Amino acid sequence: MTTDDSRKSLKRWPAQRYLAALAFLVTLAAAIALTSLASEGVRLSQADINRFREIYGTEAAQRLTAWQSLMNRLTDAPEQTKLKEVNAFFNQVRFLDDIVHWKQEDYWATPVEFLISNGGDCEDFAIAKYYTLKELGVSVDKMSLTYVKALRLNQAHMVLTYYPSPEAMPLVLDNLIGEIKSADQRPDLLHVYTFNGDNLWLSKKGKRSQLVGTSDQLKPWVKLQSRVNANDVNLN
Protein backbone atom coordinates (compact mmCIF):
# COMPACT_ATOMS: atom_id res chain seq x y z
CA MET A 1 0.00 0.00 0.00
CA THR A 2 1.42 3.39 -0.95
CA THR A 3 1.71 6.25 1.50
CA ASP A 4 -1.20 8.08 -0.15
CA ASP A 5 -3.35 4.95 0.05
CA SER A 6 -2.44 4.53 3.69
CA ARG A 7 -3.49 8.07 4.48
CA LYS A 8 -6.80 7.59 2.68
CA SER A 9 -7.36 4.37 4.59
CA LEU A 10 -6.69 6.08 7.90
CA LYS A 11 -9.10 8.85 7.00
CA ARG A 12 -11.79 6.33 6.10
CA TRP A 13 -11.30 4.14 9.18
CA PRO A 14 -13.03 6.34 11.79
CA ALA A 15 -16.08 6.66 9.52
CA GLN A 16 -16.09 2.91 8.84
CA ARG A 17 -15.76 2.18 12.52
CA TYR A 18 -18.58 4.62 13.32
CA LEU A 19 -20.89 3.03 10.74
CA ALA A 20 -20.08 -0.44 12.03
CA ALA A 21 -20.80 0.65 15.58
CA LEU A 22 -24.03 2.31 14.48
CA ALA A 23 -25.12 -0.84 12.65
CA PHE A 24 -24.36 -2.89 15.75
CA LEU A 25 -26.42 -0.57 17.95
CA VAL A 26 -29.37 -0.69 15.54
CA THR A 27 -29.21 -4.49 15.50
CA LEU A 28 -28.94 -4.59 19.29
CA ALA A 29 -31.92 -2.23 19.69
CA ALA A 30 -34.00 -4.38 17.36
CA ALA A 31 -33.04 -7.51 19.30
CA ILE A 32 -33.97 -5.86 22.59
CA ALA A 33 -37.30 -4.74 21.14
CA LEU A 34 -38.06 -8.26 19.93
CA THR A 35 -37.03 -9.74 23.27
CA SER A 36 -39.25 -7.26 25.09
CA LEU A 37 -42.18 -8.13 22.85
CA ALA A 38 -41.70 -11.86 23.31
CA SER A 39 -41.23 -11.58 27.06
CA GLU A 40 -44.70 -10.14 27.56
CA GLY A 41 -46.29 -13.56 27.15
CA VAL A 42 -49.08 -11.88 25.16
CA ARG A 43 -47.85 -12.06 21.59
CA LEU A 44 -47.37 -15.70 20.69
CA SER A 45 -45.46 -17.10 17.75
CA GLN A 46 -46.87 -19.89 15.62
CA ALA A 47 -44.26 -22.14 17.21
CA ASP A 48 -45.66 -21.26 20.65
CA ILE A 49 -49.19 -22.10 19.53
CA ASN A 50 -48.05 -25.36 17.94
CA ARG A 51 -46.29 -26.31 21.16
CA PHE A 52 -49.42 -25.60 23.19
CA ARG A 53 -51.49 -27.57 20.68
CA GLU A 54 -49.33 -30.64 21.23
CA ILE A 55 -49.76 -30.40 25.01
CA TYR A 56 -53.31 -29.08 25.44
CA GLY A 57 -55.11 -29.96 22.23
CA THR A 58 -56.59 -28.37 19.12
CA GLU A 59 -59.36 -26.36 20.81
CA ALA A 60 -56.89 -24.66 23.15
CA ALA A 61 -54.72 -23.73 20.16
CA GLN A 62 -57.75 -22.40 18.31
CA ARG A 63 -58.59 -20.06 21.20
CA LEU A 64 -55.00 -18.81 21.30
CA THR A 65 -55.02 -18.27 17.53
CA ALA A 66 -58.29 -16.34 17.74
CA TRP A 67 -56.75 -14.13 20.46
CA GLN A 68 -53.67 -13.39 18.35
CA SER A 69 -55.88 -12.64 15.32
CA LEU A 70 -57.98 -10.27 17.44
CA MET A 71 -54.89 -8.29 18.47
CA ASN A 72 -53.60 -8.16 14.90
CA ARG A 73 -56.95 -6.89 13.65
CA LEU A 74 -57.31 -4.25 16.37
CA THR A 75 -53.79 -2.83 16.19
CA ASP A 76 -54.86 0.42 14.50
CA ALA A 77 -58.47 0.50 15.70
CA PRO A 78 -59.90 3.38 17.77
CA GLU A 79 -59.48 2.88 21.51
CA GLN A 80 -63.21 2.51 22.14
CA THR A 81 -63.35 -0.28 19.57
CA LYS A 82 -60.47 -2.03 21.30
CA LEU A 83 -62.30 -1.86 24.63
CA LYS A 84 -65.55 -3.21 23.19
CA GLU A 85 -64.05 -6.07 21.21
CA VAL A 86 -61.55 -7.21 23.83
CA ASN A 87 -64.28 -7.17 26.48
CA ALA A 88 -66.61 -9.23 24.27
CA PHE A 89 -63.88 -11.68 23.28
CA PHE A 90 -62.93 -12.66 26.82
CA ASN A 91 -66.49 -12.67 28.10
CA GLN A 92 -67.02 -15.79 25.97
CA VAL A 93 -64.79 -17.79 28.31
CA ARG A 94 -66.42 -19.95 31.00
CA PHE A 95 -66.65 -18.64 34.55
CA LEU A 96 -65.24 -21.16 37.03
CA ASP A 97 -64.37 -20.70 40.70
CA ASP A 98 -60.70 -21.10 41.57
CA ILE A 99 -61.30 -24.00 43.93
CA VAL A 100 -63.08 -25.91 41.15
CA HIS A 101 -60.86 -24.86 38.27
CA TRP A 102 -57.39 -24.55 39.79
CA LYS A 103 -57.90 -26.56 43.01
CA GLN A 104 -56.72 -23.48 44.94
CA GLU A 105 -58.53 -20.91 47.04
CA ASP A 106 -57.12 -18.03 45.02
CA TYR A 107 -55.15 -18.31 41.78
CA TRP A 108 -54.47 -15.49 39.31
CA ALA A 109 -54.10 -17.03 35.85
CA THR A 110 -52.09 -15.62 32.97
CA PRO A 111 -54.07 -14.83 29.80
CA VAL A 112 -52.53 -17.91 28.14
CA GLU A 113 -53.62 -20.18 31.00
CA PHE A 114 -57.07 -18.60 30.98
CA LEU A 115 -57.58 -19.33 27.28
CA ILE A 116 -55.93 -22.74 27.19
CA SER A 117 -58.13 -23.97 30.04
CA ASN A 118 -61.19 -22.05 28.75
CA GLY A 119 -62.12 -20.96 32.25
CA GLY A 120 -61.40 -18.74 35.21
CA ASP A 121 -62.92 -16.40 37.75
CA CYS A 122 -63.35 -12.64 37.78
CA GLU A 123 -59.65 -11.88 38.34
CA ASP A 124 -58.71 -13.93 35.30
CA PHE A 125 -61.19 -12.08 33.06
CA ALA A 126 -59.93 -8.67 34.22
CA ILE A 127 -56.25 -9.65 33.94
CA ALA A 128 -56.64 -11.00 30.41
CA LYS A 129 -58.38 -7.80 29.30
CA TYR A 130 -55.73 -5.63 30.97
CA TYR A 131 -52.76 -7.33 29.32
CA THR A 132 -54.42 -7.51 25.92
CA LEU A 133 -55.36 -3.82 25.90
CA LYS A 134 -51.89 -2.92 27.13
CA GLU A 135 -50.42 -4.87 24.21
CA LEU A 136 -52.77 -2.95 21.91
CA GLY A 137 -51.29 0.34 23.07
CA VAL A 138 -53.78 1.42 25.71
CA SER A 139 -51.80 3.22 28.40
CA VAL A 140 -51.65 1.54 31.81
CA ASP A 141 -52.34 5.00 33.24
CA LYS A 142 -55.83 4.66 31.78
CA MET A 143 -56.50 1.20 33.22
CA SER A 144 -56.90 -0.36 36.65
CA LEU A 145 -57.74 -3.75 38.01
CA THR A 146 -60.44 -2.88 40.51
CA TYR A 147 -61.73 -4.81 43.49
CA VAL A 148 -65.40 -4.20 44.14
CA LYS A 149 -68.18 -5.81 46.09
CA ALA A 150 -70.88 -7.18 43.81
CA LEU A 151 -73.87 -6.18 45.93
CA ARG A 152 -76.44 -8.43 44.29
CA LEU A 153 -74.17 -11.44 44.68
CA ASN A 154 -72.90 -10.26 48.07
CA GLN A 155 -69.32 -11.20 47.25
CA ALA A 156 -65.94 -9.77 46.29
CA HIS A 157 -65.45 -9.25 42.58
CA MET A 158 -62.82 -7.82 40.21
CA VAL A 159 -63.37 -5.73 37.08
CA LEU A 160 -61.20 -3.76 34.69
CA THR A 161 -61.76 -0.01 34.79
CA TYR A 162 -60.77 2.39 32.02
CA TYR A 163 -60.24 6.13 32.59
CA PRO A 164 -60.60 8.25 29.41
CA SER A 165 -58.88 11.03 31.37
CA PRO A 166 -57.43 11.16 34.91
CA GLU A 167 -60.50 12.78 36.48
CA ALA A 168 -63.13 11.08 34.33
CA MET A 169 -65.67 8.59 35.60
CA PRO A 170 -64.21 5.25 34.51
CA LEU A 171 -65.81 2.70 32.25
CA VAL A 172 -66.27 -0.79 33.70
CA LEU A 173 -65.34 -3.91 31.72
CA ASP A 174 -67.05 -6.73 33.59
CA ASN A 175 -67.63 -10.41 32.95
CA LEU A 176 -71.02 -10.22 34.73
CA ILE A 177 -72.60 -8.16 31.95
CA GLY A 178 -71.76 -7.71 28.29
CA GLU A 179 -72.29 -3.96 28.06
CA ILE A 180 -69.53 -1.54 29.03
CA LYS A 181 -71.00 1.09 31.37
CA SER A 182 -69.53 3.94 33.37
CA ALA A 183 -69.01 3.30 37.07
CA ASP A 184 -71.86 5.63 38.05
CA GLN A 185 -74.20 3.45 35.95
CA ARG A 186 -73.26 0.39 37.98
CA PRO A 187 -74.90 0.87 41.41
CA ASP A 188 -74.59 -2.89 41.90
CA LEU A 189 -70.82 -2.49 42.40
CA LEU A 190 -69.24 -1.00 45.53
CA HIS A 191 -65.68 0.05 44.70
CA VAL A 192 -63.00 -0.75 47.29
CA TYR A 193 -59.50 -0.38 45.80
CA THR A 194 -57.86 -0.27 42.41
CA PHE A 195 -54.37 -0.85 41.00
CA ASN A 196 -52.37 -1.11 37.80
CA GLY A 197 -48.78 -1.96 36.92
CA ASP A 198 -47.48 0.89 39.04
CA ASN A 199 -49.78 2.13 41.80
CA LEU A 200 -52.45 1.20 44.31
CA TRP A 201 -55.36 3.48 45.20
CA LEU A 202 -58.41 3.42 47.39
CA SER A 203 -61.44 3.69 45.14
CA LYS A 204 -64.56 5.71 45.79
CA LYS A 205 -67.56 5.65 43.46
CA GLY A 206 -65.35 4.24 40.76
CA LYS A 207 -62.65 6.90 40.90
CA ARG A 208 -59.12 6.66 42.27
CA SER A 209 -59.62 8.57 45.47
CA GLN A 210 -56.37 8.14 47.43
CA LEU A 211 -52.94 6.85 46.45
CA VAL A 212 -51.89 4.37 49.15
CA GLY A 213 -48.76 2.81 47.67
CA THR A 214 -47.39 0.81 44.77
CA SER A 215 -48.94 -2.29 43.28
CA ASP A 216 -45.93 -4.43 44.22
CA GLN A 217 -47.50 -4.60 47.69
CA LEU A 218 -49.92 -7.13 46.18
CA LYS A 219 -48.09 -10.45 46.16
CA PRO A 220 -50.47 -12.23 43.74
CA TRP A 221 -49.95 -9.39 41.27
CA VAL A 222 -46.16 -9.55 41.57
CA LYS A 223 -46.17 -13.32 41.02
CA LEU A 224 -48.54 -13.00 38.09
CA GLN A 225 -46.42 -10.39 36.30
CA SER A 226 -43.30 -12.53 36.51
CA ARG A 227 -45.20 -15.53 35.13
CA VAL A 228 -46.71 -13.50 32.29
CA ASN A 229 -43.29 -12.14 31.38
CA ALA A 230 -41.84 -15.66 31.37
CA ASN A 231 -44.82 -17.02 29.43
CA ASP A 232 -45.12 -19.57 32.22
CA VAL A 233 -48.05 -21.98 31.97
CA ASN A 234 -48.94 -23.88 35.11
CA LEU A 235 -51.69 -26.32 34.13
CA ASN A 236 -52.18 -29.84 35.41
C-alpha atoms as a PDB file:
ATOM      1  CA  MET A   1       0.000   0.000   0.000  1.00  0.00           C
ATOM      2  CA  THR A   2       1.419   3.393  -0.945  1.00  0.00           C
ATOM      3  CA  THR A   3       1.715   6.252   1.505  1.00  0.00           C
ATOM      4  CA  ASP A   4      -1.202   8.077  -0.148  1.00  0.00           C
ATOM      5  CA  ASP A   5      -3.346   4.951   0.052  1.00  0.00           C
ATOM      6  CA  SER A   6      -2.436   4.525   3.693  1.00  0.00           C
ATOM      7  CA  ARG A   7      -3.486   8.073   4.476  1.00  0.00           C
ATOM      8  CA  LYS A   8      -6.796   7.587   2.678  1.00  0.00           C
ATOM      9  CA  SER A   9      -7.356   4.368   4.586  1.00  0.00           C
ATOM     10  CA  LEU A  10      -6.685   6.077   7.897  1.00  0.00           C
ATOM     11  CA  LYS A  11      -9.104   8.851   6.999  1.00  0.00           C
ATOM     12  CA  ARG A  12     -11.786   6.330   6.101  1.00  0.00           C
ATOM     13  CA  TRP A  13     -11.301   4.135   9.185  1.00  0.00           C
ATOM     14  CA  PRO A  14     -13.033   6.343  11.791  1.00  0.00           C
ATOM     15  CA  ALA A  15     -16.084   6.656   9.522  1.00  0.00           C
ATOM     16  CA  GLN A  16     -16.094   2.912   8.843  1.00  0.00           C
ATOM     17  CA  ARG A  17     -15.764   2.176  12.521  1.00  0.00           C
ATOM     18  CA  TYR A  18     -18.579   4.624  13.316  1.00  0.00           C
ATOM     19  CA  LEU A  19     -20.886   3.030  10.736  1.00  0.00           C
ATOM     20  CA  ALA A  20     -20.077  -0.444  12.026  1.00  0.00           C
ATOM     21  CA  ALA A  21     -20.801   0.647  15.582  1.00  0.00           C
ATOM     22  CA  LEU A  22     -24.026   2.308  14.477  1.00  0.00           C
ATOM     23  CA  ALA A  23     -25.119  -0.844  12.654  1.00  0.00           C
ATOM     24  CA  PHE A  24     -24.356  -2.891  15.749  1.00  0.00           C
ATOM     25  CA  LEU A  25     -26.424  -0.568  17.947  1.00  0.00           C
ATOM     26  CA  VAL A  26     -29.369  -0.694  15.540  1.00  0.00           C
ATOM     27  CA  THR A  27     -29.206  -4.491  15.499  1.00  0.00           C
ATOM     28  CA  LEU A  28     -28.939  -4.595  19.288  1.00  0.00           C
ATOM     29  CA  ALA A  29     -31.917  -2.232  19.690  1.00  0.00           C
ATOM     30  CA  ALA A  30     -33.997  -4.380  17.358  1.00  0.00           C
ATOM     31  CA  ALA A  31     -33.041  -7.508  19.298  1.00  0.00           C
ATOM     32  CA  ILE A  32     -33.966  -5.855  22.589  1.00  0.00           C
ATOM     33  CA  ALA A  33     -37.299  -4.744  21.142  1.00  0.00           C
ATOM     34  CA  LEU A  34     -38.063  -8.264  19.933  1.00  0.00           C
ATOM     35  CA  THR A  35     -37.033  -9.736  23.268  1.00  0.00           C
ATOM     36  CA  SER A  36     -39.252  -7.259  25.090  1.00  0.00           C
ATOM     37  CA  LEU A  37     -42.179  -8.133  22.853  1.00  0.00           C
ATOM     38  CA  ALA A  38     -41.700 -11.862  23.308  1.00  0.00           C
ATOM     39  CA  SER A  39     -41.233 -11.578  27.062  1.00  0.00           C
ATOM     40  CA  GLU A  40     -44.705 -10.142  27.563  1.00  0.00           C
ATOM     41  CA  GLY A  41     -46.295 -13.565  27.146  1.00  0.00           C
ATOM     42  CA  VAL A  42     -49.083 -11.883  25.163  1.00  0.00           C
ATOM     43  CA  ARG A  43     -47.855 -12.062  21.585  1.00  0.00           C
ATOM     44  CA  LEU A  44     -47.373 -15.700  20.692  1.00  0.00           C
ATOM     45  CA  SER A  45     -45.461 -17.105  17.753  1.00  0.00           C
ATOM     46  CA  GLN A  46     -46.873 -19.893  15.621  1.00  0.00           C
ATOM     47  CA  ALA A  47     -44.258 -22.137  17.212  1.00  0.00           C
ATOM     48  CA  ASP A  48     -45.656 -21.257  20.650  1.00  0.00           C
ATOM     49  CA  ILE A  49     -49.189 -22.099  19.533  1.00  0.00           C
ATOM     50  CA  ASN A  50     -48.051 -25.358  17.943  1.00  0.00           C
ATOM     51  CA  ARG A  51     -46.292 -26.311  21.155  1.00  0.00           C
ATOM     52  CA  PHE A  52     -49.419 -25.597  23.194  1.00  0.00           C
ATOM     53  CA  ARG A  53     -51.491 -27.574  20.677  1.00  0.00           C
ATOM     54  CA  GLU A  54     -49.325 -30.643  21.229  1.00  0.00           C
ATOM     55  CA  ILE A  55     -49.758 -30.396  25.008  1.00  0.00           C
ATOM     56  CA  TYR A  56     -53.310 -29.076  25.438  1.00  0.00           C
ATOM     57  CA  GLY A  57     -55.110 -29.956  22.229  1.00  0.00           C
ATOM     58  CA  THR A  58     -56.590 -28.371  19.122  1.00  0.00           C
ATOM     59  CA  GLU A  59     -59.364 -26.365  20.808  1.00  0.00           C
ATOM     60  CA  ALA A  60     -56.892 -24.659  23.148  1.00  0.00           C
ATOM     61  CA  ALA A  61     -54.718 -23.733  20.155  1.00  0.00           C
ATOM     62  CA  GLN A  62     -57.753 -22.395  18.307  1.00  0.00           C
ATOM     63  CA  ARG A  63     -58.592 -20.062  21.204  1.00  0.00           C
ATOM     64  CA  LEU A  64     -55.005 -18.809  21.304  1.00  0.00           C
ATOM     65  CA  THR A  65     -55.024 -18.274  17.528  1.00  0.00           C
ATOM     66  CA  ALA A  66     -58.294 -16.336  17.741  1.00  0.00           C
ATOM     67  CA  TRP A  67     -56.746 -14.133  20.458  1.00  0.00           C
ATOM     68  CA  GLN A  68     -53.671 -13.386  18.347  1.00  0.00           C
ATOM     69  CA  SER A  69     -55.879 -12.636  15.325  1.00  0.00           C
ATOM     70  CA  LEU A  70     -57.975 -10.274  17.437  1.00  0.00           C
ATOM     71  CA  MET A  71     -54.886  -8.289  18.467  1.00  0.00           C
ATOM     72  CA  ASN A  72     -53.595  -8.157  14.900  1.00  0.00           C
ATOM     73  CA  ARG A  73     -56.948  -6.889  13.647  1.00  0.00           C
ATOM     74  CA  LEU A  74     -57.315  -4.248  16.367  1.00  0.00           C
ATOM     75  CA  THR A  75     -53.790  -2.829  16.187  1.00  0.00           C
ATOM     76  CA  ASP A  76     -54.860   0.417  14.498  1.00  0.00           C
ATOM     77  CA  ALA A  77     -58.474   0.496  15.699  1.00  0.00           C
ATOM     78  CA  PRO A  78     -59.903   3.381  17.770  1.00  0.00           C
ATOM     79  CA  GLU A  79     -59.482   2.884  21.514  1.00  0.00           C
ATOM     80  CA  GLN A  80     -63.210   2.507  22.141  1.00  0.00           C
ATOM     81  CA  THR A  81     -63.351  -0.282  19.566  1.00  0.00           C
ATOM     82  CA  LYS A  82     -60.472  -2.028  21.296  1.00  0.00           C
ATOM     83  CA  LEU A  83     -62.303  -1.861  24.628  1.00  0.00           C
ATOM     84  CA  LYS A  84     -65.548  -3.206  23.190  1.00  0.00           C
ATOM     85  CA  GLU A  85     -64.055  -6.068  21.212  1.00  0.00           C
ATOM     86  CA  VAL A  86     -61.548  -7.213  23.834  1.00  0.00           C
ATOM     87  CA  ASN A  87     -64.281  -7.173  26.480  1.00  0.00           C
ATOM     88  CA  ALA A  88     -66.614  -9.230  24.269  1.00  0.00           C
ATOM     89  CA  PHE A  89     -63.883 -11.682  23.280  1.00  0.00           C
ATOM     90  CA  PHE A  90     -62.930 -12.663  26.821  1.00  0.00           C
ATOM     91  CA  ASN A  91     -66.494 -12.668  28.100  1.00  0.00           C
ATOM     92  CA  GLN A  92     -67.020 -15.789  25.965  1.00  0.00           C
ATOM     93  CA  VAL A  93     -64.791 -17.794  28.313  1.00  0.00           C
ATOM     94  CA  ARG A  94     -66.423 -19.949  31.005  1.00  0.00           C
ATOM     95  CA  PHE A  95     -66.647 -18.635  34.546  1.00  0.00           C
ATOM     96  CA  LEU A  96     -65.243 -21.163  37.026  1.00  0.00           C
ATOM     97  CA  ASP A  97     -64.369 -20.702  40.704  1.00  0.00           C
ATOM     98  CA  ASP A  98     -60.699 -21.097  41.571  1.00  0.00           C
ATOM     99  CA  ILE A  99     -61.304 -24.000  43.933  1.00  0.00           C
ATOM    100  CA  VAL A 100     -63.082 -25.908  41.149  1.00  0.00           C
ATOM    101  CA  HIS A 101     -60.858 -24.864  38.271  1.00  0.00           C
ATOM    102  CA  TRP A 102     -57.391 -24.553  39.789  1.00  0.00           C
ATOM    103  CA  LYS A 103     -57.895 -26.559  43.015  1.00  0.00           C
ATOM    104  CA  GLN A 104     -56.722 -23.479  44.939  1.00  0.00           C
ATOM    105  CA  GLU A 105     -58.532 -20.910  47.041  1.00  0.00           C
ATOM    106  CA  ASP A 106     -57.118 -18.028  45.018  1.00  0.00           C
ATOM    107  CA  TYR A 107     -55.154 -18.313  41.782  1.00  0.00           C
ATOM    108  CA  TRP A 108     -54.474 -15.492  39.306  1.00  0.00           C
ATOM    109  CA  ALA A 109     -54.101 -17.028  35.845  1.00  0.00           C
ATOM    110  CA  THR A 110     -52.091 -15.617  32.967  1.00  0.00           C
ATOM    111  CA  PRO A 111     -54.069 -14.833  29.796  1.00  0.00           C
ATOM    112  CA  VAL A 112     -52.533 -17.906  28.140  1.00  0.00           C
ATOM    113  CA  GLU A 113     -53.620 -20.177  31.004  1.00  0.00           C
ATOM    114  CA  PHE A 114     -57.072 -18.598  30.980  1.00  0.00           C
ATOM    115  CA  LEU A 115     -57.576 -19.332  27.278  1.00  0.00           C
ATOM    116  CA  ILE A 116     -55.928 -22.739  27.193  1.00  0.00           C
ATOM    117  CA  SER A 117     -58.135 -23.968  30.042  1.00  0.00           C
ATOM    118  CA  ASN A 118     -61.193 -22.048  28.753  1.00  0.00           C
ATOM    119  CA  GLY A 119     -62.118 -20.962  32.252  1.00  0.00           C
ATOM    120  CA  GLY A 120     -61.402 -18.743  35.214  1.00  0.00           C
ATOM    121  CA  ASP A 121     -62.920 -16.404  37.747  1.00  0.00           C
ATOM    122  CA  CYS A 122     -63.352 -12.636  37.777  1.00  0.00           C
ATOM    123  CA  GLU A 123     -59.651 -11.878  38.339  1.00  0.00           C
ATOM    124  CA  ASP A 124     -58.714 -13.929  35.298  1.00  0.00           C
ATOM    125  CA  PHE A 125     -61.191 -12.083  33.060  1.00  0.00           C
ATOM    126  CA  ALA A 126     -59.933  -8.672  34.224  1.00  0.00           C
ATOM    127  CA  ILE A 127     -56.246  -9.651  33.944  1.00  0.00           C
ATOM    128  CA  ALA A 128     -56.642 -11.003  30.409  1.00  0.00           C
ATOM    129  CA  LYS A 129     -58.380  -7.804  29.300  1.00  0.00           C
ATOM    130  CA  TYR A 130     -55.733  -5.626  30.972  1.00  0.00           C
ATOM    131  CA  TYR A 131     -52.762  -7.330  29.324  1.00  0.00           C
ATOM    132  CA  THR A 132     -54.419  -7.513  25.915  1.00  0.00           C
ATOM    133  CA  LEU A 133     -55.362  -3.824  25.900  1.00  0.00           C
ATOM    134  CA  LYS A 134     -51.889  -2.922  27.133  1.00  0.00           C
ATOM    135  CA  GLU A 135     -50.416  -4.867  24.208  1.00  0.00           C
ATOM    136  CA  LEU A 136     -52.769  -2.946  21.907  1.00  0.00           C
ATOM    137  CA  GLY A 137     -51.286   0.336  23.065  1.00  0.00           C
ATOM    138  CA  VAL A 138     -53.783   1.421  25.713  1.00  0.00           C
ATOM    139  CA  SER A 139     -51.797   3.219  28.400  1.00  0.00           C
ATOM    140  CA  VAL A 140     -51.647   1.538  31.806  1.00  0.00           C
ATOM    141  CA  ASP A 141     -52.339   4.995  33.238  1.00  0.00           C
ATOM    142  CA  LYS A 142     -55.834   4.661  31.777  1.00  0.00           C
ATOM    143  CA  MET A 143     -56.495   1.205  33.224  1.00  0.00           C
ATOM    144  CA  SER A 144     -56.897  -0.355  36.648  1.00  0.00           C
ATOM    145  CA  LEU A 145     -57.743  -3.754  38.011  1.00  0.00           C
ATOM    146  CA  THR A 146     -60.435  -2.879  40.511  1.00  0.00           C
ATOM    147  CA  TYR A 147     -61.730  -4.806  43.491  1.00  0.00           C
ATOM    148  CA  VAL A 148     -65.396  -4.205  44.142  1.00  0.00           C
ATOM    149  CA  LYS A 149     -68.182  -5.806  46.092  1.00  0.00           C
ATOM    150  CA  ALA A 150     -70.884  -7.183  43.812  1.00  0.00           C
ATOM    151  CA  LEU A 151     -73.873  -6.177  45.932  1.00  0.00           C
ATOM    152  CA  ARG A 152     -76.442  -8.430  44.288  1.00  0.00           C
ATOM    153  CA  LEU A 153     -74.168 -11.443  44.677  1.00  0.00           C
ATOM    154  CA  ASN A 154     -72.897 -10.260  48.074  1.00  0.00           C
ATOM    155  CA  GLN A 155     -69.321 -11.201  47.246  1.00  0.00           C
ATOM    156  CA  ALA A 156     -65.942  -9.769  46.287  1.00  0.00           C
ATOM    157  CA  HIS A 157     -65.453  -9.246  42.582  1.00  0.00           C
ATOM    158  CA  MET A 158     -62.819  -7.818  40.209  1.00  0.00           C
ATOM    159  CA  VAL A 159     -63.373  -5.731  37.078  1.00  0.00           C
ATOM    160  CA  LEU A 160     -61.203  -3.761  34.687  1.00  0.00           C
ATOM    161  CA  THR A 161     -61.764  -0.008  34.786  1.00  0.00           C
ATOM    162  CA  TYR A 162     -60.773   2.389  32.019  1.00  0.00           C
ATOM    163  CA  TYR A 163     -60.244   6.127  32.588  1.00  0.00           C
ATOM    164  CA  PRO A 164     -60.601   8.251  29.409  1.00  0.00           C
ATOM    165  CA  SER A 165     -58.884  11.030  31.366  1.00  0.00           C
ATOM    166  CA  PRO A 166     -57.430  11.156  34.915  1.00  0.00           C
ATOM    167  CA  GLU A 167     -60.498  12.781  36.475  1.00  0.00           C
ATOM    168  CA  ALA A 168     -63.129  11.079  34.335  1.00  0.00           C
ATOM    169  CA  MET A 169     -65.669   8.589  35.600  1.00  0.00           C
ATOM    170  CA  PRO A 170     -64.208   5.248  34.508  1.00  0.00           C
ATOM    171  CA  LEU A 171     -65.811   2.698  32.253  1.00  0.00           C
ATOM    172  CA  VAL A 172     -66.267  -0.791  33.698  1.00  0.00           C
ATOM    173  CA  LEU A 173     -65.343  -3.906  31.721  1.00  0.00           C
ATOM    174  CA  ASP A 174     -67.049  -6.728  33.586  1.00  0.00           C
ATOM    175  CA  ASN A 175     -67.633 -10.412  32.953  1.00  0.00           C
ATOM    176  CA  LEU A 176     -71.019 -10.224  34.734  1.00  0.00           C
ATOM    177  CA  ILE A 177     -72.601  -8.161  31.951  1.00  0.00           C
ATOM    178  CA  GLY A 178     -71.756  -7.711  28.290  1.00  0.00           C
ATOM    179  CA  GLU A 179     -72.293  -3.956  28.064  1.00  0.00           C
ATOM    180  CA  ILE A 180     -69.532  -1.542  29.032  1.00  0.00           C
ATOM    181  CA  LYS A 181     -71.000   1.092  31.366  1.00  0.00           C
ATOM    182  CA  SER A 182     -69.531   3.944  33.367  1.00  0.00           C
ATOM    183  CA  ALA A 183     -69.011   3.301  37.073  1.00  0.00           C
ATOM    184  CA  ASP A 184     -71.858   5.630  38.053  1.00  0.00           C
ATOM    185  CA  GLN A 185     -74.199   3.452  35.946  1.00  0.00           C
ATOM    186  CA  ARG A 186     -73.258   0.389  37.981  1.00  0.00           C
ATOM    187  CA  PRO A 187     -74.900   0.875  41.415  1.00  0.00           C
ATOM    188  CA  ASP A 188     -74.591  -2.887  41.905  1.00  0.00           C
ATOM    189  CA  LEU A 189     -70.820  -2.487  42.401  1.00  0.00           C
ATOM    190  CA  LEU A 190     -69.238  -1.001  45.533  1.00  0.00           C
ATOM    191  CA  HIS A 191     -65.679   0.053  44.699  1.00  0.00           C
ATOM    192  CA  VAL A 192     -62.996  -0.748  47.289  1.00  0.00           C
ATOM    193  CA  TYR A 193     -59.500  -0.377  45.803  1.00  0.00           C
ATOM    194  CA  THR A 194     -57.863  -0.272  42.408  1.00  0.00           C
ATOM    195  CA  PHE A 195     -54.370  -0.851  41.000  1.00  0.00           C
ATOM    196  CA  ASN A 196     -52.369  -1.105  37.804  1.00  0.00           C
ATOM    197  CA  GLY A 197     -48.784  -1.956  36.917  1.00  0.00           C
ATOM    198  CA  ASP A 198     -47.480   0.891  39.043  1.00  0.00           C
ATOM    199  CA  ASN A 199     -49.779   2.129  41.797  1.00  0.00           C
ATOM    200  CA  LEU A 200     -52.449   1.197  44.310  1.00  0.00           C
ATOM    201  CA  TRP A 201     -55.361   3.476  45.200  1.00  0.00           C
ATOM    202  CA  LEU A 202     -58.412   3.416  47.386  1.00  0.00           C
ATOM    203  CA  SER A 203     -61.443   3.693  45.142  1.00  0.00           C
ATOM    204  CA  LYS A 204     -64.563   5.713  45.788  1.00  0.00           C
ATOM    205  CA  LYS A 205     -67.563   5.654  43.460  1.00  0.00           C
ATOM    206  CA  GLY A 206     -65.350   4.237  40.762  1.00  0.00           C
ATOM    207  CA  LYS A 207     -62.645   6.900  40.904  1.00  0.00           C
ATOM    208  CA  ARG A 208     -59.116   6.658  42.266  1.00  0.00           C
ATOM    209  CA  SER A 209     -59.623   8.571  45.468  1.00  0.00           C
ATOM    210  CA  GLN A 210     -56.373   8.145  47.430  1.00  0.00           C
ATOM    211  CA  LEU A 211     -52.938   6.850  46.451  1.00  0.00           C
ATOM    212  CA  VAL A 212     -51.887   4.368  49.148  1.00  0.00           C
ATOM    213  CA  GLY A 213     -48.760   2.809  47.671  1.00  0.00           C
ATOM    214  CA  THR A 214     -47.388   0.815  44.771  1.00  0.00           C
ATOM    215  CA  SER A 215     -48.937  -2.288  43.283  1.00  0.00           C
ATOM    216  CA  ASP A 216     -45.933  -4.435  44.225  1.00  0.00           C
ATOM    217  CA  GLN A 217     -47.502  -4.603  47.693  1.00  0.00           C
ATOM    218  CA  LEU A 218     -49.924  -7.128  46.180  1.00  0.00           C
ATOM    219  CA  LYS A 219     -48.085 -10.453  46.160  1.00  0.00           C
ATOM    220  CA  PRO A 220     -50.471 -12.230  43.741  1.00  0.00           C
ATOM    221  CA  TRP A 221     -49.951  -9.390  41.266  1.00  0.00           C
ATOM    222  CA  VAL A 222     -46.155  -9.551  41.573  1.00  0.00           C
ATOM    223  CA  LYS A 223     -46.167 -13.317  41.023  1.00  0.00           C
ATOM    224  CA  LEU A 224     -48.541 -13.003  38.095  1.00  0.00           C
ATOM    225  CA  GLN A 225     -46.423 -10.391  36.304  1.00  0.00           C
ATOM    226  CA  SER A 226     -43.304 -12.529  36.507  1.00  0.00           C
ATOM    227  CA  ARG A 227     -45.199 -15.527  35.133  1.00  0.00           C
ATOM    228  CA  VAL A 228     -46.706 -13.505  32.286  1.00  0.00           C
ATOM    229  CA  ASN A 229     -43.286 -12.142  31.382  1.00  0.00           C
ATOM    230  CA  ALA A 230     -41.840 -15.660  31.367  1.00  0.00           C
ATOM    231  CA  ASN A 231     -44.823 -17.024  29.432  1.00  0.00           C
ATOM    232  CA  ASP A 232     -45.120 -19.565  32.217  1.00  0.00           C
ATOM    233  CA  VAL A 233     -48.051 -21.979  31.970  1.00  0.00           C
ATOM    234  CA  ASN A 234     -48.936 -23.882  35.111  1.00  0.00           C
ATOM    235  CA  LEU A 235     -51.688 -26.322  34.134  1.00  0.00           C
ATOM    236  CA  ASN A 236     -52.180 -29.838  35.413  1.00  0.00           C
END
